[in-house]
Protein backbone atom coordinates (compact mmCIF):
# COMPACT_ATOMS: atom_id res chain seq x y z
CA UNK A 1 -9.95 -37.14 10.76
CA UNK A 2 -8.31 -38.73 7.74
CA UNK A 3 -8.31 -42.12 9.47
CA UNK A 4 -12.08 -42.00 9.81
CA UNK A 5 -12.48 -41.24 6.09
CA UNK A 6 -10.19 -44.16 5.18
CA UNK A 7 -11.83 -46.72 7.46
CA UNK A 8 -12.56 -49.97 5.56
CA UNK A 9 -16.24 -50.01 6.61
CA UNK A 10 -16.64 -46.77 4.62
CA UNK A 11 -16.28 -48.87 1.43
CA UNK A 12 -19.59 -50.55 2.14
CA UNK A 13 -21.25 -47.32 3.23
CA UNK A 14 -20.12 -45.43 0.10
CA UNK A 15 -21.20 -48.26 -2.20
CA UNK A 16 -24.65 -48.54 -0.61
CA UNK A 17 -25.21 -44.78 -0.46
CA UNK A 18 -24.12 -44.33 -4.06
CA UNK A 19 -26.37 -47.15 -5.21
CA UNK A 20 -29.26 -45.46 -3.43
CA UNK A 21 -28.50 -41.94 -4.68
CA UNK A 22 -27.71 -42.64 -8.34
CA UNK A 23 -31.34 -43.19 -9.47
CA UNK A 24 -32.50 -40.12 -7.52
CA UNK A 25 -29.75 -37.88 -8.90
CA UNK A 26 -30.26 -39.26 -12.42
CA UNK A 27 -33.83 -37.92 -12.49
CA UNK A 28 -32.68 -34.43 -11.50
CA UNK A 29 -29.31 -34.03 -13.22
CA UNK A 30 -27.97 -36.69 -15.60
CA UNK A 31 -24.49 -35.20 -15.91
CA UNK A 32 -23.93 -35.19 -12.14
CA UNK A 33 -24.75 -38.91 -12.02
CA UNK A 34 -21.49 -39.75 -13.76
CA UNK A 35 -19.56 -37.40 -11.49
CA UNK A 36 -21.13 -38.97 -8.38
CA UNK A 37 -20.31 -42.47 -9.61
CA UNK A 38 -16.66 -41.64 -10.28
CA UNK A 39 -16.31 -39.77 -6.97
CA UNK A 40 -17.51 -42.89 -5.15
CA UNK A 41 -15.20 -45.10 -7.22
CA UNK A 42 -12.21 -42.88 -6.46
CA UNK A 43 -13.03 -42.82 -2.74
CA UNK A 44 -13.24 -46.63 -2.62
CA UNK A 45 -9.99 -46.85 -4.57
CA UNK A 46 -8.22 -44.47 -2.16
CA UNK A 47 -9.32 -46.53 0.83
CA UNK A 48 -8.05 -49.71 -0.80
CA UNK A 49 -4.80 -48.04 -1.90
CA UNK A 50 -4.25 -46.77 1.63
CA UNK A 51 -4.70 -50.33 2.87
CA UNK A 52 -2.18 -51.68 0.35
CA UNK A 53 0.40 -49.10 1.43
CA UNK A 54 -0.17 -49.68 5.15
CA UNK A 55 -0.33 -53.46 5.04
CA UNK A 56 2.64 -53.89 2.71
CA UNK A 57 4.74 -51.94 5.20
CA UNK A 58 3.94 -54.47 7.92
CA UNK A 59 0.73 -53.31 9.56
CA UNK A 60 -1.56 -56.01 10.93
CA UNK A 61 -4.98 -56.74 9.45
CA UNK A 62 -7.88 -54.65 10.73
CA UNK A 63 -11.04 -56.33 11.99
CA UNK A 64 -14.08 -54.08 12.04
CA UNK A 65 -16.96 -55.32 14.20
CA UNK A 66 -20.31 -53.63 13.64
CA UNK A 67 -23.10 -53.11 16.19
CA UNK A 68 -20.67 -53.40 19.11
CA UNK A 69 -21.36 -57.13 19.43
CA UNK A 70 -19.03 -59.96 18.53
CA UNK A 71 -19.93 -62.30 15.66
CA UNK A 72 -22.19 -64.26 14.89
CA UNK A 73 -24.66 -61.64 16.15
CA UNK A 74 -23.16 -58.87 14.03
CA UNK A 75 -21.34 -58.40 10.77
CA UNK A 76 -17.57 -58.26 10.93
CA UNK A 77 -15.10 -57.23 8.25
CA UNK A 78 -11.47 -58.26 8.13
CA UNK A 79 -9.34 -55.96 6.00
CA UNK A 80 -5.74 -56.99 5.34
CA UNK A 81 -3.29 -56.90 2.45
CA UNK A 82 -5.10 -59.55 0.42
CA UNK A 83 -8.47 -57.80 0.77
CA UNK A 84 -7.11 -54.34 0.03
CA UNK A 85 -5.41 -55.55 -3.18
CA UNK A 86 -8.62 -57.07 -4.49
CA UNK A 87 -10.78 -54.03 -3.57
CA UNK A 88 -8.82 -51.94 -6.10
CA UNK A 89 -11.14 -50.78 -8.90
CA UNK A 90 -9.86 -51.87 -12.29
């Protein structure tokens, strides 16, 4: 179960969902907007940190192919050591 929550494609899903939800939540509860933003930022940071730890210990890069079709008919994401280092929130 933890592997599914730390899948690199979740970075994009969390960022898009948070960007969609922040204006809606801001109208209802302004204080929860900040909490939601930082929860998303921490989740993205944990996924990237998990990638740094795994890839620095010798794991091979992960290639995530969406829609079950090979590129160029779908979007693919390669996630290796270089990508996981630069996904770290500053």
